């Protein structure tokens, strides 16, 4: 992780908006998360702006009887320093990681 994070990160994630809203504050740990239900601001030490996150529901992915919700997630890191942007992405990836067996 020596390179700066991209300034705008786009993802498709298998979460409902309710699940996403529940996981985000825990993933950010001691940073402040404000907003919702479709747009959040994340601030770090001394209320320094780090990221703006926006979500949009997409059609579910369907495999037979299985339906997986999909969110388009846009993370704007332009307000963050390279160090804070990388730390944000580390927290975000770890917090939203779903393990498998």
PDB file of N, CA and C in Angstrom:
ATOM      1  N   UNK A   1       0.818  -1.191   0.000  1.00  0.00           N
ATOM      2  CA  UNK A   1       0.000   0.000   0.000  1.00  0.00           C
ATOM      3  C   UNK A   1       0.864   1.257   0.000  1.00  0.00           C
ATOM      4  N   UNK A   2       1.853   1.331  -0.811  1.00  0.00           N
ATOM      5  CA  UNK A   2       2.711   2.502  -0.861  1.00  0.00           C
ATOM      6  C   UNK A   2       2.183   3.576  -1.792  1.00  0.00           C
ATOM      7  N   UNK A   3       1.275   3.231  -2.688  1.00  0.00           N
ATOM      8  CA  UNK A   3       0.740   4.202  -3.637  1.00  0.00           C
ATOM      9  C   UNK A   3      -0.491   4.871  -3.060  1.00  0.00           C
ATOM     10  N   UNK A   4      -0.695   6.160  -3.429  1.00  0.00           N
ATOM     11  CA  UNK A   4      -1.915   6.825  -2.961  1.00  0.00           C
ATOM     12  C   UNK A   4      -3.152   6.146  -3.524  1.00  0.00           C
ATOM     13  N   UNK A   5      -4.228   6.164  -2.743  1.00  0.00           N
ATOM     14  CA  UNK A   5      -5.492   5.584  -3.203  1.00  0.00           C
ATOM     15  C   UNK A   5      -6.068   6.425  -4.336  1.00  0.00           C
ATOM     16  N   UNK A   6      -6.863   5.800  -5.199  1.00  0.00           N
ATOM     17  CA  UNK A   6      -7.568   6.544  -6.237  1.00  0.00           C
ATOM     18  C   UNK A   6      -8.448   7.584  -5.557  1.00  0.00           C
ATOM     19  N   UNK A   7      -8.682   8.681  -6.204  1.00  0.00           N
ATOM     20  CA  UNK A   7      -9.454   9.768  -5.604  1.00  0.00           C
ATOM     21  C   UNK A   7     -10.957   9.531  -5.639  1.00  0.00           C
ATOM     22  N   UNK A   8     -11.456   8.802  -6.623  1.00  0.00           N
ATOM     23  CA  UNK A   8     -12.862   8.396  -6.648  1.00  0.00           C
ATOM     24  C   UNK A   8     -12.882   6.904  -6.935  1.00  0.00           C
ATOM     25  N   UNK A   9     -13.435   6.150  -6.006  1.00  0.00           N
ATOM     26  CA  UNK A   9     -13.465   4.690  -6.111  1.00  0.00           C
ATOM     27  C   UNK A   9     -14.917   4.273  -6.352  1.00  0.00           C
ATOM     28  N   UNK A  10     -15.142   3.469  -7.375  1.00  0.00           N
ATOM     29  CA  UNK A  10     -16.473   2.969  -7.700  1.00  0.00           C
ATOM     30  C   UNK A  10     -16.491   1.464  -7.451  1.00  0.00           C
ATOM     31  N   UNK A  11     -17.526   0.987  -6.762  1.00  0.00           N
ATOM     32  CA  UNK A  11     -17.647  -0.438  -6.466  1.00  0.00           C
ATOM     33  C   UNK A  11     -19.083  -0.888  -6.649  1.00  0.00           C
ATOM     34  N   UNK A  12     -19.267  -2.162  -6.932  1.00  0.00           N
ATOM     35  CA  UNK A  12     -20.565  -2.814  -6.816  1.00  0.00           C
ATOM     36  C   UNK A  12     -20.421  -3.802  -5.672  1.00  0.00           C
ATOM     37  N   UNK A  13     -21.344  -3.695  -4.710  1.00  0.00           N
ATOM     38  CA  UNK A  13     -21.226  -4.494  -3.499  1.00  0.00           C
ATOM     39  C   UNK A  13     -22.511  -5.250  -3.231  1.00  0.00           C
ATOM     40  N   UNK A  14     -22.388  -6.456  -2.722  1.00  0.00           N
ATOM     41  CA  UNK A  14     -23.540  -7.309  -2.415  1.00  0.00           C
ATOM     42  C   UNK A  14     -24.124  -7.008  -1.050  1.00  0.00           C
ATOM     43  N   UNK A  15     -24.673  -5.825  -0.881  1.00  0.00           N
ATOM     44  CA  UNK A  15     -25.293  -5.387   0.365  1.00  0.00           C
ATOM     45  C   UNK A  15     -26.608  -4.700   0.056  1.00  0.00           C
ATOM     46  N   UNK A  16     -27.544  -4.742   1.004  1.00  0.00           N
ATOM     47  CA  UNK A  16     -28.709  -3.868   0.925  1.00  0.00           C
ATOM     48  C   UNK A  16     -28.290  -2.517   1.504  1.00  0.00           C
ATOM     49  N   UNK A  17     -29.067  -1.493   1.264  1.00  0.00           N
ATOM     50  CA  UNK A  17     -28.731  -0.183   1.826  1.00  0.00           C
ATOM     51  C   UNK A  17     -28.776  -0.215   3.356  1.00  0.00           C
ATOM     52  N   UNK A  18     -29.683  -0.999   3.921  1.00  0.00           N
ATOM     53  CA  UNK A  18     -29.767  -1.129   5.380  1.00  0.00           C
ATOM     54  C   UNK A  18     -28.521  -1.801   5.945  1.00  0.00           C
ATOM     55  N   UNK A  19     -28.059  -2.867   5.296  1.00  0.00           N
ATOM     56  CA  UNK A  19     -26.838  -3.549   5.743  1.00  0.00           C
ATOM     57  C   UNK A  19     -25.631  -2.609   5.639  1.00  0.00           C
ATOM     58  N   UNK A  20     -25.533  -1.895   4.524  1.00  0.00           N
ATOM     59  CA  UNK A  20     -24.425  -0.977   4.312  1.00  0.00           C
ATOM     60  C   UNK A  20     -24.380   0.076   5.415  1.00  0.00           C
ATOM     61  N   UNK A  21     -25.548   0.669   5.710  1.00  0.00           N
ATOM     62  CA  UNK A  21     -25.632   1.709   6.740  1.00  0.00           C
ATOM     63  C   UNK A  21     -25.252   1.179   8.117  1.00  0.00           C
ATOM     64  N   UNK A  22     -25.500  -0.089   8.381  1.00  0.00           N
ATOM     65  CA  UNK A  22     -25.146  -0.686   9.669  1.00  0.00           C
ATOM     66  C   UNK A  22     -23.651  -0.975   9.777  1.00  0.00           C
ATOM     67  N   UNK A  23     -23.033  -1.368   8.678  1.00  0.00           N
ATOM     68  CA  UNK A  23     -21.619  -1.757   8.699  1.00  0.00           C
ATOM     69  C   UNK A  23     -20.693  -0.537   8.663  1.00  0.00           C
ATOM     70  N   UNK A  24     -21.072   0.514   7.936  1.00  0.00           N
ATOM     71  CA  UNK A  24     -20.175   1.653   7.720  1.00  0.00           C
ATOM     72  C   UNK A  24     -19.621   2.263   9.006  1.00  0.00           C
ATOM     73  N   UNK A  25     -20.431   2.631   9.987  1.00  0.00           N
ATOM     74  CA  UNK A  25     -19.851   3.230  11.201  1.00  0.00           C
ATOM     75  C   UNK A  25     -18.873   2.307  11.922  1.00  0.00           C
ATOM     76  N   UNK A  26     -19.175   1.029  11.979  1.00  0.00           N
ATOM     77  CA  UNK A  26     -18.269   0.074  12.631  1.00  0.00           C
ATOM     78  C   UNK A  26     -16.953  -0.031  11.866  1.00  0.00           C
ATOM     79  N   UNK A  27     -17.016   0.004  10.540  1.00  0.00           N
ATOM     80  CA  UNK A  27     -15.808  -0.094   9.721  1.00  0.00           C
ATOM     81  C   UNK A  27     -14.894   1.117   9.924  1.00  0.00           C
ATOM     82  N   UNK A  28     -15.485   2.270  10.185  1.00  0.00           N
ATOM     83  CA  UNK A  28     -14.695   3.498  10.338  1.00  0.00           C
ATOM     84  C   UNK A  28     -14.156   3.671  11.747  1.00  0.00           C
ATOM     85  N   UNK A  29     -14.586   2.812  12.664  1.00  0.00           N
ATOM     86  CA  UNK A  29     -14.127   2.786  14.058  1.00  0.00           C
ATOM     87  C   UNK A  29     -14.240   4.150  14.725  1.00  0.00           C
ATOM     88  N   UNK A  30     -13.141   4.819  15.016  1.00  0.00           N
ATOM     89  CA  UNK A  30     -13.168   6.066  15.781  1.00  0.00           C
ATOM     90  C   UNK A  30     -13.387   7.310  14.925  1.00  0.00           C
ATOM     91  N   UNK A  31     -13.545   7.157  13.627  1.00  0.00           N
ATOM     92  CA  UNK A  31     -13.841   8.306  12.770  1.00  0.00           C
ATOM     93  C   UNK A  31     -15.340   8.595  12.805  1.00  0.00           C
ATOM     94  N   UNK A  32     -15.710   9.824  12.507  1.00  0.00           N
ATOM     95  CA  UNK A  32     -17.102  10.255  12.534  1.00  0.00           C
ATOM     96  C   UNK A  32     -17.774   9.964  11.201  1.00  0.00           C
ATOM     97  N   UNK A  33     -18.941   9.324  11.263  1.00  0.00           N
ATOM     98  CA  UNK A  33     -19.752   9.046  10.075  1.00  0.00           C
ATOM     99  C   UNK A  33     -21.072   9.783  10.253  1.00  0.00           C
ATOM    100  N   UNK A  34     -21.395  10.659   9.295  1.00  0.00           N
ATOM    101  CA  UNK A  34     -22.629  11.437   9.373  1.00  0.00           C
ATOM    102  C   UNK A  34     -23.386  11.328   8.061  1.00  0.00           C
ATOM    103  N   UNK A  35     -24.707  11.394   8.149  1.00  0.00           N
ATOM    104  CA  UNK A  35     -25.528  11.379   6.945  1.00  0.00           C
ATOM    105  C   UNK A  35     -26.365  10.134   6.841  1.00  0.00           C
ATOM    106  N   UNK A  36     -26.645   9.747   5.594  1.00  0.00           N
ATOM    107  CA  UNK A  36     -27.476   8.599   5.304  1.00  0.00           C
ATOM    108  C   UNK A  36     -28.845   9.072   4.859  1.00  0.00           C
ATOM    109  N   UNK A  37     -29.666   8.291   4.293  1.00  0.00           N
ATOM    110  CA  UNK A  37     -29.481   6.869   4.022  1.00  0.00           C
ATOM    111  C   UNK A  37     -28.767   6.568   2.703  1.00  0.00           C
ATOM    112  N   UNK A  38     -28.506   7.577   1.873  1.00  0.00           N
ATOM    113  CA  UNK A  38     -27.850   7.321   0.581  1.00  0.00           C
ATOM    114  C   UNK A  38     -26.498   8.020   0.432  1.00  0.00           C
ATOM    115  N   UNK A  39     -26.208   8.961   1.341  1.00  0.00           N
ATOM    116  CA  UNK A  39     -24.969   9.735   1.244  1.00  0.00           C
ATOM    117  C   UNK A  39     -24.413   9.966   2.650  1.00  0.00           C
ATOM    118  N   UNK A  40     -23.113   9.704   2.810  1.00  0.00           N
ATOM    119  CA  UNK A  40     -22.450   9.885   4.104  1.00  0.00           C
ATOM    120  C   UNK A  40     -21.185  10.712   3.937  1.00  0.00           C
ATOM    121  N   UNK A  41     -20.806  11.360   5.019  1.00  0.00           N
ATOM    122  CA  UNK A  41     -19.524  12.055   5.128  1.00  0.00           C
ATOM    123  C   UNK A  41     -18.731  11.356   6.226  1.00  0.00           C
ATOM    124  N   UNK A  42     -17.464  11.098   5.949  1.00  0.00           N
ATOM    125  CA  UNK A  42     -16.585  10.507   6.956  1.00  0.00           C
ATOM    126  C   UNK A  42     -15.515  11.538   7.280  1.00  0.00           C
ATOM    127  N   UNK A  43     -15.362  11.808   8.581  1.00  0.00           N
ATOM    128  CA  UNK A  43     -14.357  12.756   9.057  1.00  0.00           C
ATOM    129  C   UNK A  43     -13.432  12.044  10.019  1.00  0.00           C
ATOM    130  N   UNK A  44     -12.195  12.471  10.003  1.00  0.00           N
ATOM    131  CA  UNK A  44     -11.195  11.842  10.850  1.00  0.00           C
ATOM    132  C   UNK A  44     -10.777  12.734  11.998  1.00  0.00           C
ATOM    133  N   UNK A  45      -9.512  12.636  12.362  1.00  0.00           N
ATOM    134  CA  UNK A  45      -8.996  13.434  13.474  1.00  0.00           C
ATOM    135  C   UNK A  45      -9.258  14.923  13.253  1.00  0.00           C
ATOM    136  N   UNK A  46      -9.643  15.594  14.317  1.00  0.00           N
ATOM    137  CA  UNK A  46      -9.935  17.035  14.277  1.00  0.00           C
ATOM    138  C   UNK A  46     -11.001  17.380  13.241  1.00  0.00           C
ATOM    139  N   UNK A  47     -11.950  16.459  13.014  1.00  0.00           N
ATOM    140  CA  UNK A  47     -13.067  16.633  12.082  1.00  0.00           C
ATOM    141  C   UNK A  47     -12.603  16.938  10.656  1.00  0.00           C
ATOM    142  N   UNK A  48     -11.456  16.433  10.312  1.00  0.00           N
ATOM    143  CA  UNK A  48     -10.900  16.616   8.973  1.00  0.00           C
ATOM    144  C   UNK A  48     -11.658  15.727   7.985  1.00  0.00           C
ATOM    145  N   UNK A  49     -12.191  16.327   6.904  1.00  0.00           N
ATOM    146  CA  UNK A  49     -12.948  15.571   5.894  1.00  0.00           C
ATOM    147  C   UNK A  49     -12.052  14.534   5.238  1.00  0.00           C
ATOM    148  N   UNK A  50     -12.578  13.312   5.131  1.00  0.00           N
ATOM    149  CA  UNK A  50     -11.833  12.231   4.493  1.00  0.00           C
ATOM    150  C   UNK A  50     -12.545  11.752   3.240  1.00  0.00           C
ATOM    151  N   UNK A  51     -13.845  11.441   3.352  1.00  0.00           N
ATOM    152  CA  UNK A  51     -14.547  10.826   2.223  1.00  0.00           C
ATOM    153  C   UNK A  51     -16.020  11.205   2.210  1.00  0.00           C
ATOM    154  N   UNK A  52     -16.565  11.206   1.007  1.00  0.00           N
ATOM    155  CA  UNK A  52     -18.006  11.280   0.789  1.00  0.00           C
ATOM    156  C   UNK A  52     -18.393   9.979   0.107  1.00  0.00           C
ATOM    157  N   UNK A  53     -19.394   9.306   0.646  1.00  0.00           N
ATOM    158  CA  UNK A  53     -19.827   8.015   0.103  1.00  0.00           C
ATOM    159  C   UNK A  53     -21.270   8.141  -0.350  1.00  0.00           C
ATOM    160  N   UNK A  54     -21.542   7.696  -1.565  1.00  0.00           N
ATOM    161  CA  UNK A  54     -22.906   7.668  -2.084  1.00  0.00           C
ATOM    162  C   UNK A  54     -23.220   6.259  -2.557  1.00  0.00           C
ATOM    163  N   UNK A  55     -24.457   5.822  -2.285  1.00  0.00           N
ATOM    164  CA  UNK A  55     -24.882   4.496  -2.731  1.00  0.00           C
ATOM    165  C   UNK A  55     -26.141   4.616  -3.579  1.00  0.00           C
ATOM    166  N   UNK A  56     -26.312   3.631  -4.462  1.00  0.00           N
ATOM    167  CA  UNK A  56     -27.503   3.551  -5.317  1.00  0.00           C
ATOM    168  C   UNK A  56     -27.811   2.078  -5.522  1.00  0.00           C
ATOM    169  N   UNK A  57     -29.065   1.702  -5.282  1.00  0.00           N
ATOM    170  CA  UNK A  57     -29.464   0.302  -5.469  1.00  0.00           C
ATOM    171  C   UNK A  57     -29.483  -0.036  -6.951  1.00  0.00           C
ATOM    172  N   UNK A  58     -28.948  -1.191  -7.281  1.00  0.00           N
ATOM    173  CA  UNK A  58     -28.973  -1.734  -8.635  1.00  0.00           C
ATOM    174  C   UNK A  58     -29.862  -2.974  -8.625  1.00  0.00           C
ATOM    175  N   UNK A  59     -30.254  -3.472  -9.799  1.00  0.00           N
ATOM    176  CA  UNK A  59     -31.040  -4.712  -9.817  1.00  0.00           C
ATOM    177  C   UNK A  59     -30.277  -5.852  -9.145  1.00  0.00           C
ATOM    178  N   UNK A  60     -31.007  -6.685  -8.436  1.00  0.00           N
ATOM    179  CA  UNK A  60     -30.397  -7.840  -7.761  1.00  0.00           C
ATOM    180  C   UNK A  60     -29.812  -8.791  -8.788  1.00  0.00           C
ATOM    181  N   UNK A  61     -28.757  -9.487  -8.375  1.00  0.00           N
ATOM    182  CA  UNK A  61     -28.211 -10.559  -9.203  1.00  0.00           C
ATOM    183  C   UNK A  61     -28.982 -11.827  -8.857  1.00  0.00           C
ATOM    184  N   UNK A  62     -29.443 -12.527  -9.866  1.00  0.00           N
ATOM    185  CA  UNK A  62     -30.278 -13.699  -9.652  1.00  0.00           C
ATOM    186  C   UNK A  62     -29.591 -14.916 -10.246  1.00  0.00           C
ATOM    187  N   UNK A  63     -29.423 -15.929  -9.403  1.00  0.00           N
ATOM    188  CA  UNK A  63     -28.854 -17.209  -9.825  1.00  0.00           C
ATOM    189  C   UNK A  63     -29.831 -18.270  -9.333  1.00  0.00           C
ATOM    190  N   UNK A  64     -30.661 -18.765 -10.234  1.00  0.00           N
ATOM    191  CA  UNK A  64     -31.708 -19.713  -9.830  1.00  0.00           C
ATOM    192  C   UNK A  64     -32.623 -19.055  -8.821  1.00  0.00           C
ATOM    193  N   UNK A  65     -32.769 -19.670  -7.656  1.00  0.00           N
ATOM    194  CA  UNK A  65     -33.626 -19.125  -6.606  1.00  0.00           C
ATOM    195  C   UNK A  65     -32.882 -18.112  -5.722  1.00  0.00           C
ATOM    196  N   UNK A  66     -31.586 -17.956  -5.921  1.00  0.00           N
ATOM    197  CA  UNK A  66     -30.768 -17.058  -5.114  1.00  0.00           C
ATOM    198  C   UNK A  66     -30.821 -15.642  -5.673  1.00  0.00           C
ATOM    199  N   UNK A  67     -31.111 -14.669  -4.799  1.00  0.00           N
ATOM    200  CA  UNK A  67     -31.123 -13.260  -5.172  1.00  0.00           C
ATOM    201  C   UNK A  67     -30.101 -12.527  -4.306  1.00  0.00           C
ATOM    202  N   UNK A  68     -29.160 -11.843  -4.934  1.00  0.00           N
ATOM    203  CA  UNK A  68     -28.137 -11.105  -4.208  1.00  0.00           C
ATOM    204  C   UNK A  68     -28.344  -9.613  -4.457  1.00  0.00           C
ATOM    205  N   UNK A  69     -28.552  -8.834  -3.386  1.00  0.00           N
ATOM    206  CA  UNK A  69     -28.723  -7.390  -3.577  1.00  0.00           C
ATOM    207  C   UNK A  69     -27.419  -6.767  -4.080  1.00  0.00           C
ATOM    208  N   UNK A  70     -27.538  -5.681  -4.810  1.00  0.00           N
ATOM    209  CA  UNK A  70     -26.350  -5.012  -5.344  1.00  0.00           C
ATOM    210  C   UNK A  70     -26.482  -3.506  -5.130  1.00  0.00           C
ATOM    211  N   UNK A  71     -25.426  -2.906  -4.600  1.00  0.00           N
ATOM    212  CA  UNK A  71     -25.348  -1.463  -4.459  1.00  0.00           C
ATOM    213  C   UNK A  71     -24.205  -0.935  -5.308  1.00  0.00           C
ATOM    214  N   UNK A  72     -24.448   0.154  -6.009  1.00  0.00           N
ATOM    215  CA  UNK A  72     -23.362   0.915  -6.626  1.00  0.00           C
ATOM    216  C   UNK A  72     -22.863   1.863  -5.544  1.00  0.00           C
ATOM    217  N   UNK A  73     -21.577   1.790  -5.234  1.00  0.00           N
ATOM    218  CA  UNK A  73     -20.990   2.597  -4.168  1.00  0.00           C
ATOM    219  C   UNK A  73     -19.924   3.489  -4.783  1.00  0.00           C
ATOM    220  N   UNK A  74     -20.038   4.778  -4.537  1.00  0.00           N
ATOM    221  CA  UNK A  74     -19.054   5.744  -5.016  1.00  0.00           C
ATOM    222  C   UNK A  74     -18.405   6.402  -3.803  1.00  0.00           C
ATOM    223  N   UNK A  75     -17.082   6.333  -3.740  1.00  0.00           N
ATOM    224  CA  UNK A  75     -16.324   6.896  -2.625  1.00  0.00           C
ATOM    225  C   UNK A  75     -15.442   8.009  -3.178  1.00  0.00           C
ATOM    226  N   UNK A  76     -15.690   9.228  -2.734  1.00  0.00           N
ATOM    227  CA  UNK A  76     -14.918  10.393  -3.177  1.00  0.00           C
ATOM    228  C   UNK A  76     -13.903  10.728  -2.089  1.00  0.00           C
ATOM    229  N   UNK A  77     -12.627  10.548  -2.411  1.00  0.00           N
ATOM    230  CA  UNK A  77     -11.542  10.772  -1.457  1.00  0.00           C
ATOM    231  C   UNK A  77     -10.737  12.029  -1.778  1.00  0.00           C
ATOM    232  N   UNK A  78     -11.278  12.916  -2.585  1.00  0.00           N
ATOM    233  CA  UNK A  78     -10.513  14.086  -3.027  1.00  0.00           C
ATOM    234  C   UNK A  78     -10.160  15.037  -1.893  1.00  0.00           C
ATOM    235  N   UNK A  79     -10.911  15.014  -0.794  1.00  0.00           N
ATOM    236  CA  UNK A  79     -10.622  15.912   0.330  1.00  0.00           C
ATOM    237  C   UNK A  79      -9.524  15.365   1.236  1.00  0.00           C
ATOM    238  N   UNK A  80      -9.139  14.117   1.064  1.00  0.00           N
ATOM    239  CA  UNK A  80      -8.198  13.462   1.979  1.00  0.00           C
ATOM    240  C   UNK A  80      -6.762  13.533   1.467  1.00  0.00           C
ATOM    241  N   UNK A  81      -5.835  13.554   2.405  1.00  0.00           N
ATOM    242  CA  UNK A  81      -4.425  13.388   2.049  1.00  0.00           C
ATOM    243  C   UNK A  81      -4.221  11.953   1.583  1.00  0.00           C
ATOM    244  N   UNK A  82      -3.101  11.687   0.939  1.00  0.00           N
ATOM    245  CA  UNK A  82      -2.814  10.320   0.498  1.00  0.00           C
ATOM    246  C   UNK A  82      -2.824   9.351   1.674  1.00  0.00           C
ATOM    247  N   UNK A  83      -2.254   9.764   2.800  1.00  0.00           N
ATOM    248  CA  UNK A  83      -2.188   8.895   3.970  1.00  0.00           C
ATOM    249  C   UNK A  83      -3.583   8.570   4.497  1.00  0.00           C
ATOM    250  N   UNK A  84      -4.442   9.590   4.621  1.00  0.00           N
ATOM    251  CA  UNK A  84      -5.797   9.348   5.110  1.00  0.00           C
ATOM    252  C   UNK A  84      -6.616   8.552   4.098  1.00  0.00           C
ATOM    253  N   UNK A  85      -6.415   8.807   2.811  1.00  0.00           N
ATOM    254  CA  UNK A  85      -7.144   8.053   1.784  1.00  0.00           C
ATOM    255  C   UNK A  85      -6.786   6.569   1.859  1.00  0.00           C
ATOM    256  N   UNK A  86      -5.516   6.266   2.018  1.00  0.00           N
ATOM    257  CA  UNK A  86      -5.104   4.863   2.125  1.00  0.00           C
ATOM    258  C   UNK A  86      -5.651   4.221   3.394  1.00  0.00           C
ATOM    259  N   UNK A  87      -5.645   4.952   4.501  1.00  0.00           N
ATOM    260  CA  UNK A  87      -6.184   4.409   5.750  1.00  0.00           C
ATOM    261  C   UNK A  87      -7.693   4.214   5.636  1.00  0.00           C
ATOM    262  N   UNK A  88      -8.391   5.144   4.986  1.00  0.00           N
ATOM    263  CA  UNK A  88      -9.827   4.974   4.776  1.00  0.00           C
ATOM    264  C   UNK A  88     -10.093   3.686   4.004  1.00  0.00           C
ATOM    265  N   UNK A  89      -9.394   3.476   2.896  1.00  0.00           N
ATOM    266  CA  UNK A  89      -9.635   2.288   2.074  1.00  0.00           C
ATOM    267  C   UNK A  89      -9.285   1.008   2.840  1.00  0.00           C
ATOM    268  N   UNK A  90      -8.259   1.046   3.666  1.00  0.00           N
ATOM    269  CA  UNK A  90      -7.915  -0.123   4.485  1.00  0.00           C
ATOM    270  C   UNK A  90      -9.072  -0.448   5.431  1.00  0.00           C
ATOM    271  N   UNK A  91      -9.598   0.560   6.104  1.00  0.00           N
ATOM    272  CA  UNK A  91     -10.717   0.355   7.030  1.00  0.00           C
ATOM    273  C   UNK A  91     -11.961  -0.107   6.274  1.00  0.00           C
ATOM    274  N   UNK A  92     -12.236   0.534   5.140  1.00  0.00           N
ATOM    275  CA  UNK A  92     -13.426   0.196   4.364  1.00  0.00           C
ATOM    276  C   UNK A  92     -13.357  -1.261   3.892  1.00  0.00           C
ATOM    277  N   UNK A  93     -12.233  -1.653   3.309  1.00  0.00           N
ATOM    278  CA  UNK A  93     -12.075  -3.026   2.801  1.00  0.00           C
ATOM    279  C   UNK A  93     -12.182  -4.052   3.917  1.00  0.00           C
ATOM    280  N   UNK A  94     -11.532  -3.789   5.021  1.00  0.00           N
ATOM    281  CA  UNK A  94     -11.572  -4.727   6.138  1.00  0.00           C
ATOM    282  C   UNK A  94     -12.959  -4.787   6.753  1.00  0.00           C
ATOM    283  N   UNK A  95     -13.628  -3.651   6.889  1.00  0.00           N
ATOM    284  CA  UNK A  95     -14.943  -3.611   7.509  1.00  0.00           C
ATOM    285  C   UNK A  95     -16.037  -4.271   6.683  1.00  0.00           C
ATOM    286  N   UNK A  96     -15.911  -4.187   5.360  1.00  0.00           N
ATOM    287  CA  UNK A  96     -16.952  -4.739   4.483  1.00  0.00           C
ATOM    288  C   UNK A  96     -16.596  -6.111   3.919  1.00  0.00           C
ATOM    289  N   UNK A  97     -15.459  -6.647   4.292  1.00  0.00           N
ATOM    290  CA  UNK A  97     -15.045  -7.961   3.795  1.00  0.00           C
ATOM    291  C   UNK A  97     -15.994  -9.040   4.326  1.00  0.00           C
ATOM    292  N   UNK A  98     -16.433  -9.882   3.422  1.00  0.00           N
ATOM    293  CA  UNK A  98     -17.254 -11.043   3.818  1.00  0.00           C
ATOM    294  C   UNK A  98     -16.430 -12.288   3.534  1.00  0.00           C
ATOM    295  N   UNK A  99     -16.216 -13.050   4.568  1.00  0.00           N
ATOM    296  CA  UNK A  99     -15.421 -14.270   4.419  1.00  0.00           C
ATOM    297  C   UNK A  99     -16.238 -15.428   3.887  1.00  0.00           C
ATOM    298  N   UNK A 100     -15.558 -16.358   3.326  1.00  0.00           N
ATOM    299  CA  UNK A 100     -16.216 -17.566   2.807  1.00  0.00           C
ATOM    300  C   UNK A 100     -15.463 -18.797   3.287  1.00  0.00           C
ATOM    301  N   UNK A 101     -16.064 -19.930   3.031  1.00  0.00           N
ATOM    302  CA  UNK A 101     -15.413 -21.129   3.536  1.00  0.00           C
ATOM    303  C   UNK A 101     -15.205 -22.162   2.502  1.00  0.00           C
TER     304      UNK A 101
END
